[in-house]
Amino acid sequence: MQALAFTFPLYPAKGKSGFGNVNPFWLNLNLKGTNILPARRRFSCSMAVANDTVRVSEFGLENKKQELLRATQDTQRGLVATADQRSVIEEALVSVEGYNNGAPIDLVMLDGTWRLQYTSAPDVLVLLESAARLPFFQVGQIFQKFECLDRTDGGIVRNVVKWSIPTLLEEQEGATLVVSAKFDLVSVRNIYLQFEEVTVQSIKISEELQALIAPAILPRSYLSLQILQFIRAFKAQVPVTNPNPGRRSVGGLYYLSYLDRHMLLGRAVGGGGVFVFTKAQPLEL
């Protein structure tokens, strides 16, 4: 038996091919008529698929965010939310959180003013409930103002509450309560707040009270003008200190569960409630 009985001739006779009329593919590689795409076209197709996937993901995220905001609309920022509504909101919130879960906090994106849309935090709900029950007390917009644009490890956060006393102060925004705190990054998405000061400022008295202090039909005296100026410039500051000597000021851990240019979601660690914020116009204090 011959050892090479099944070996093809490498050099067929002149004018003939060992493969009939078809040239061996290793001798004449021709892409025409085949399904093999050039590398550039394969790369372009891959990029197109990737871009489509990103667009679908972004579209899905925007839908989830709108669903969350719709779920909070009729709750008066959480004050009148029922158990069923809270359940729906929590489910919608978790759906949004999943889109950048675990991503590091972007302090540049966090910097700015955020308006409260919904919360389940007891300390905020008590404030809203007081305004609902007491005819002489109003609560307007509530904000969180972060100042951390040029920082890498933390910054300042100010909780801002616009409030009023009807007939004495302007509606909704007659005065401003500011609770200021330092915050430090303690993990990828956790910040620790150290409250420093509570301030009452930006007093805007009503036209009725202005007329009582300085009637328009009478010449305004120096004393009445001084009183008006004092009220407008009034600013009461109360430092927040820890009653236990040697310990840092009162604070708490805050988990920023979602952040983009238009929405901020947070959770007060330890059962302190959830927060839904949307980006607002810059707030001057």
Protein backbone atom coordinates (compact mmCIF):
# COMPACT_ATOMS: atom_id res chain seq x y z
CA MET A 1 0.00 0.00 0.00
CA GLN A 2 1.29 3.40 -0.89
CA ALA A 3 1.74 5.80 2.05
CA LEU A 4 0.47 8.83 0.08
CA ALA A 5 -2.42 7.26 -1.74
CA PHE A 6 -4.81 10.18 -0.91
CA THR A 7 -2.40 13.07 -1.49
CA PHE A 8 -3.51 15.71 -4.04
CA PRO A 9 -0.90 16.82 -6.50
CA LEU A 10 0.47 20.22 -5.50
CA TYR A 11 1.48 21.04 -9.05
CA PRO A 12 -1.16 19.77 -11.51
CA ALA A 13 -0.46 19.34 -15.18
CA LYS A 14 -0.23 22.48 -17.29
CA GLY A 15 -3.63 23.94 -18.13
CA LYS A 16 -5.40 21.89 -15.51
CA SER A 17 -6.24 22.41 -11.92
CA GLY A 18 -6.37 19.81 -9.22
CA PHE A 19 -9.78 21.30 -8.26
CA GLY A 20 -11.37 21.35 -11.69
CA ASN A 21 -12.32 24.86 -12.79
CA VAL A 22 -12.28 26.33 -9.28
CA ASN A 23 -9.04 27.87 -8.07
CA PRO A 24 -7.96 26.78 -4.57
CA PHE A 25 -9.12 29.38 -2.05
CA TRP A 26 -5.67 29.68 -0.54
CA LEU A 27 -4.33 30.70 -3.93
CA ASN A 28 -7.05 33.16 -4.95
CA LEU A 29 -9.04 34.75 -2.09
CA ASN A 30 -12.01 36.58 -3.64
CA LEU A 31 -14.66 38.24 -1.40
CA LYS A 32 -17.10 39.01 -4.21
CA GLY A 33 -20.35 37.14 -3.88
CA THR A 34 -19.56 35.89 -0.38
CA ASN A 35 -21.01 36.82 3.04
CA ILE A 36 -17.63 37.82 4.43
CA LEU A 37 -17.61 41.60 5.12
CA PRO A 38 -14.48 43.74 5.15
CA ALA A 39 -13.28 44.70 8.63
CA ARG A 40 -14.31 48.35 8.18
CA ARG A 41 -17.88 47.42 7.28
CA ARG A 42 -18.09 44.93 10.18
CA PHE A 43 -16.89 47.68 12.56
CA SER A 44 -19.45 50.15 11.18
CA CYS A 45 -22.26 47.64 11.64
CA SER A 46 -21.13 46.94 15.21
CA MET A 47 -21.08 50.65 16.00
CA ALA A 48 -24.55 51.11 14.52
CA VAL A 49 -25.93 48.28 16.65
CA ALA A 50 -24.22 49.71 19.74
CA ASN A 51 -25.66 53.19 19.06
CA ASP A 52 -29.14 51.76 18.59
CA THR A 53 -28.79 49.87 21.89
CA VAL A 54 -27.74 53.07 23.69
CA ARG A 55 -30.70 54.99 22.22
CA VAL A 56 -33.13 52.26 23.27
CA SER A 57 -31.63 52.28 26.77
CA GLU A 58 -31.90 56.08 27.05
CA PHE A 59 -35.49 55.99 25.80
CA GLY A 60 -36.35 53.35 28.38
CA LEU A 61 -34.73 55.40 31.13
CA GLU A 62 -36.69 58.54 30.21
CA ASN A 63 -39.91 56.53 30.29
CA LYS A 64 -39.04 55.19 33.75
CA LYS A 65 -38.30 58.69 35.02
CA GLN A 66 -41.60 60.02 33.68
CA GLU A 67 -43.46 57.12 35.29
CA LEU A 68 -41.85 57.98 38.62
CA LEU A 69 -42.78 61.66 38.39
CA ARG A 70 -46.35 60.81 37.34
CA ALA A 71 -46.68 58.50 40.35
CA THR A 72 -45.72 61.36 42.71
CA GLN A 73 -47.95 64.03 41.16
CA ASP A 74 -51.06 63.74 43.35
CA THR A 75 -49.29 63.10 46.65
CA GLN A 76 -48.50 66.71 47.68
CA ARG A 77 -44.81 65.82 47.85
CA GLY A 78 -45.65 62.67 49.80
CA LEU A 79 -47.96 64.19 52.43
CA VAL A 80 -51.16 62.46 51.27
CA ALA A 81 -49.63 59.39 49.61
CA THR A 82 -51.53 56.20 50.34
CA ALA A 83 -49.89 52.84 51.02
CA ASP A 84 -50.66 51.76 47.44
CA GLN A 85 -49.17 54.95 46.01
CA ARG A 86 -46.03 54.56 48.10
CA SER A 87 -45.66 51.02 46.81
CA VAL A 88 -45.98 52.15 43.18
CA ILE A 89 -43.53 55.00 43.76
CA GLU A 90 -41.00 52.69 45.40
CA GLU A 91 -41.21 50.27 42.48
CA ALA A 92 -40.76 53.10 39.96
CA LEU A 93 -37.90 54.55 41.98
CA VAL A 94 -36.05 51.22 42.08
CA SER A 95 -36.47 50.90 38.30
CA VAL A 96 -34.74 54.25 37.75
CA GLU A 97 -32.03 53.54 40.32
CA GLY A 98 -31.00 50.43 38.41
CA TYR A 99 -29.73 52.45 35.45
CA ASN A 100 -26.61 53.81 37.16
CA ASN A 101 -26.50 51.70 40.27
CA GLY A 102 -22.98 51.64 41.67
CA ALA A 103 -21.60 54.42 39.47
CA PRO A 104 -19.43 56.96 41.34
CA ILE A 105 -20.98 60.28 42.34
CA ASP A 106 -20.26 63.03 39.81
CA LEU A 107 -19.81 66.15 41.96
CA VAL A 108 -19.87 68.44 38.92
CA MET A 109 -23.28 67.07 37.97
CA LEU A 110 -24.47 67.16 41.59
CA ASP A 111 -23.60 70.84 42.02
CA GLY A 112 -26.62 73.15 41.79
CA THR A 113 -30.19 73.51 43.04
CA TRP A 114 -32.67 70.60 43.21
CA ARG A 115 -36.41 70.94 43.89
CA LEU A 116 -38.19 68.37 46.06
CA GLN A 117 -40.96 66.48 44.25
CA TYR A 118 -41.60 63.68 46.73
CA THR A 119 -40.37 62.29 50.03
CA SER A 120 -41.26 59.75 52.67
CA ALA A 121 -38.86 61.25 55.23
CA PRO A 122 -40.72 61.75 58.55
CA ASP A 123 -38.97 65.03 59.44
CA VAL A 124 -40.06 66.64 56.16
CA LEU A 125 -43.58 65.19 56.28
CA VAL A 126 -44.07 66.64 59.78
CA LEU A 127 -43.31 70.08 58.34
CA LEU A 128 -45.76 69.60 55.47
CA GLU A 129 -48.42 68.25 57.84
CA SER A 130 -48.05 71.26 60.14
CA ALA A 131 -48.62 73.58 57.19
CA ALA A 132 -51.72 71.60 56.20
CA ARG A 133 -53.22 71.79 59.70
CA LEU A 134 -52.24 75.25 60.86
CA PRO A 135 -54.02 78.12 59.07
CA PHE A 136 -51.27 80.58 60.06
CA PHE A 137 -48.40 78.59 58.55
CA GLN A 138 -47.55 77.88 54.91
CA VAL A 139 -44.77 75.84 53.34
CA GLY A 140 -43.72 76.69 49.80
CA GLN A 141 -40.99 75.09 47.70
CA ILE A 142 -38.30 72.90 49.28
CA PHE A 143 -34.83 72.65 47.76
CA GLN A 144 -31.46 71.06 48.24
CA LYS A 145 -28.59 73.23 47.08
CA PHE A 146 -25.23 71.50 46.60
CA GLU A 147 -22.02 73.50 46.38
CA CYS A 148 -19.27 71.13 45.24
CA LEU A 149 -18.25 72.23 41.74
CA ASP A 150 -14.51 72.43 42.41
CA ARG A 151 -14.32 69.64 44.97
CA THR A 152 -13.37 65.99 44.77
CA ASP A 153 -14.11 64.83 48.33
CA GLY A 154 -17.30 66.63 49.38
CA GLY A 155 -18.74 70.12 49.72
CA ILE A 156 -21.65 72.04 51.23
CA VAL A 157 -25.34 71.17 51.06
CA ARG A 158 -28.12 73.52 52.11
CA ASN A 159 -31.68 72.33 52.76
CA VAL A 160 -33.87 75.31 51.86
CA VAL A 161 -37.52 75.69 52.88
CA LYS A 162 -39.64 78.60 51.66
CA TRP A 163 -42.37 79.37 54.21
CA SER A 164 -44.82 82.08 55.17
CA ILE A 165 -47.34 83.37 57.68
CA PRO A 166 -50.45 84.56 55.80
CA THR A 167 -51.31 88.29 56.10
CA LEU A 168 -47.94 88.99 57.73
CA LEU A 169 -45.55 87.68 55.08
CA GLU A 170 -45.76 87.24 51.32
CA GLU A 171 -47.57 84.13 50.14
CA GLN A 172 -45.49 80.91 50.04
CA GLU A 173 -42.11 82.68 50.03
CA GLY A 174 -42.40 85.16 52.90
CA ALA A 175 -39.26 83.79 54.58
CA THR A 176 -36.52 81.24 54.00
CA LEU A 177 -35.31 78.55 56.39
CA VAL A 178 -31.83 77.22 55.56
CA VAL A 179 -30.23 74.20 57.23
CA SER A 180 -26.56 74.09 56.21
CA ALA A 181 -24.29 71.07 56.40
CA LYS A 182 -20.88 69.92 55.25
CA PHE A 183 -20.77 66.63 53.42
CA ASP A 184 -17.95 64.19 52.80
CA LEU A 185 -17.76 61.32 50.33
CA VAL A 186 -17.45 58.15 52.38
CA SER A 187 -17.96 55.62 49.60
CA VAL A 188 -18.84 55.44 45.91
CA ARG A 189 -22.38 56.77 46.42
CA ASN A 190 -22.66 57.59 50.13
CA ILE A 191 -22.13 61.02 51.65
CA TYR A 192 -22.01 61.88 55.33
CA LEU A 193 -23.72 65.10 56.41
CA GLN A 194 -22.55 67.20 59.34
CA PHE A 195 -25.15 69.86 60.12
CA GLU A 196 -23.66 73.19 61.11
CA GLU A 197 -26.27 75.95 61.18
CA VAL A 198 -29.95 76.79 60.94
CA THR A 199 -30.77 80.20 59.46
CA VAL A 200 -33.95 82.21 59.02
CA GLN A 201 -33.50 84.89 56.38
CA SER A 202 -35.01 86.73 53.39
CA ILE A 203 -38.03 88.07 55.28
CA LYS A 204 -40.61 89.53 52.88
CA ILE A 205 -43.48 91.15 54.75
CA SER A 206 -46.91 91.45 53.19
CA GLU A 207 -48.29 94.68 51.78
CA GLU A 208 -50.84 94.74 54.63
CA LEU A 209 -48.09 94.69 57.26
CA GLN A 210 -46.04 97.28 55.38
CA ALA A 211 -49.08 99.55 55.30
CA LEU A 212 -49.54 99.06 59.04
CA ILE A 213 -45.92 99.93 59.81
CA ALA A 214 -45.66 102.79 57.36
CA PRO A 215 -49.03 103.91 55.92
CA ALA A 216 -48.78 105.02 52.33
CA ILE A 217 -51.08 107.98 52.87
CA LEU A 218 -48.81 109.45 55.54
CA PRO A 219 -45.22 110.62 55.26
CA ARG A 220 -42.97 107.72 56.23
CA SER A 221 -40.92 108.62 59.25
CA TYR A 222 -37.30 107.70 59.80
CA LEU A 223 -38.35 105.17 62.46
CA SER A 224 -40.86 103.38 60.22
CA LEU A 225 -38.32 103.15 57.40
CA GLN A 226 -35.74 101.76 59.82
CA ILE A 227 -38.21 99.12 60.98
CA LEU A 228 -38.92 98.04 57.41
CA GLN A 229 -35.21 97.91 56.62
CA PHE A 230 -34.51 95.86 59.76
CA ILE A 231 -37.19 93.30 58.88
CA ARG A 232 -35.95 92.92 55.31
CA ALA A 233 -32.34 92.48 56.41
CA PHE A 234 -33.18 90.26 59.39
CA LYS A 235 -31.18 87.06 59.59
CA ALA A 236 -31.21 84.71 62.55
CA GLN A 237 -28.47 82.09 62.74
CA VAL A 238 -28.42 79.21 65.19
CA PRO A 239 -25.41 76.85 65.23
CA VAL A 240 -26.07 73.12 65.39
CA THR A 241 -23.85 71.49 68.00
CA ASN A 242 -23.60 68.03 69.50
CA PRO A 243 -24.51 68.05 73.24
CA ASN A 244 -21.78 65.46 73.84
CA PRO A 245 -18.39 67.23 74.06
CA GLY A 246 -15.68 65.88 71.80
CA ARG A 247 -18.07 64.46 69.20
CA ARG A 248 -18.69 65.91 65.79
CA SER A 249 -21.88 67.78 65.04
CA VAL A 250 -25.23 66.14 64.40
CA GLY A 251 -25.30 64.42 61.04
CA GLY A 252 -26.39 61.42 59.03
CA LEU A 253 -25.57 59.11 56.15
CA TYR A 254 -27.22 59.86 52.82
CA TYR A 255 -27.19 57.47 49.84
CA LEU A 256 -27.41 59.12 46.41
CA SER A 257 -29.07 56.28 44.53
CA TYR A 258 -29.46 58.00 41.15
CA LEU A 259 -28.05 61.13 39.54
CA ASP A 260 -28.17 62.69 36.08
CA ARG A 261 -28.50 66.24 34.79
CA HIS A 262 -32.24 66.39 35.48
CA MET A 263 -33.03 64.05 38.39
CA LEU A 264 -31.57 63.24 41.80
CA LEU A 265 -32.78 60.34 43.95
CA GLY A 266 -31.62 59.83 47.51
CA ARG A 267 -32.18 57.60 50.51
CA ALA A 268 -31.51 58.57 54.11
CA VAL A 269 -29.67 55.53 55.46
CA GLY A 270 -31.30 53.90 58.45
CA GLY A 271 -34.94 54.18 57.40
CA GLY A 272 -34.97 57.96 57.08
CA GLY A 273 -37.01 57.94 53.89
CA VAL A 274 -36.53 58.49 50.17
CA PHE A 275 -36.26 61.73 48.19
CA VAL A 276 -37.09 62.59 44.58
CA PHE A 277 -35.61 65.84 43.27
CA THR A 278 -35.56 67.51 39.85
CA LYS A 279 -33.09 70.16 38.72
CA ALA A 280 -34.20 73.74 39.35
CA GLN A 281 -33.00 77.22 38.48
CA PRO A 282 -30.00 78.44 40.51
CA LEU A 283 -31.05 79.63 43.96
CA GLU A 284 -29.38 82.68 45.46
CA LEU A 285 -29.19 82.73 49.24
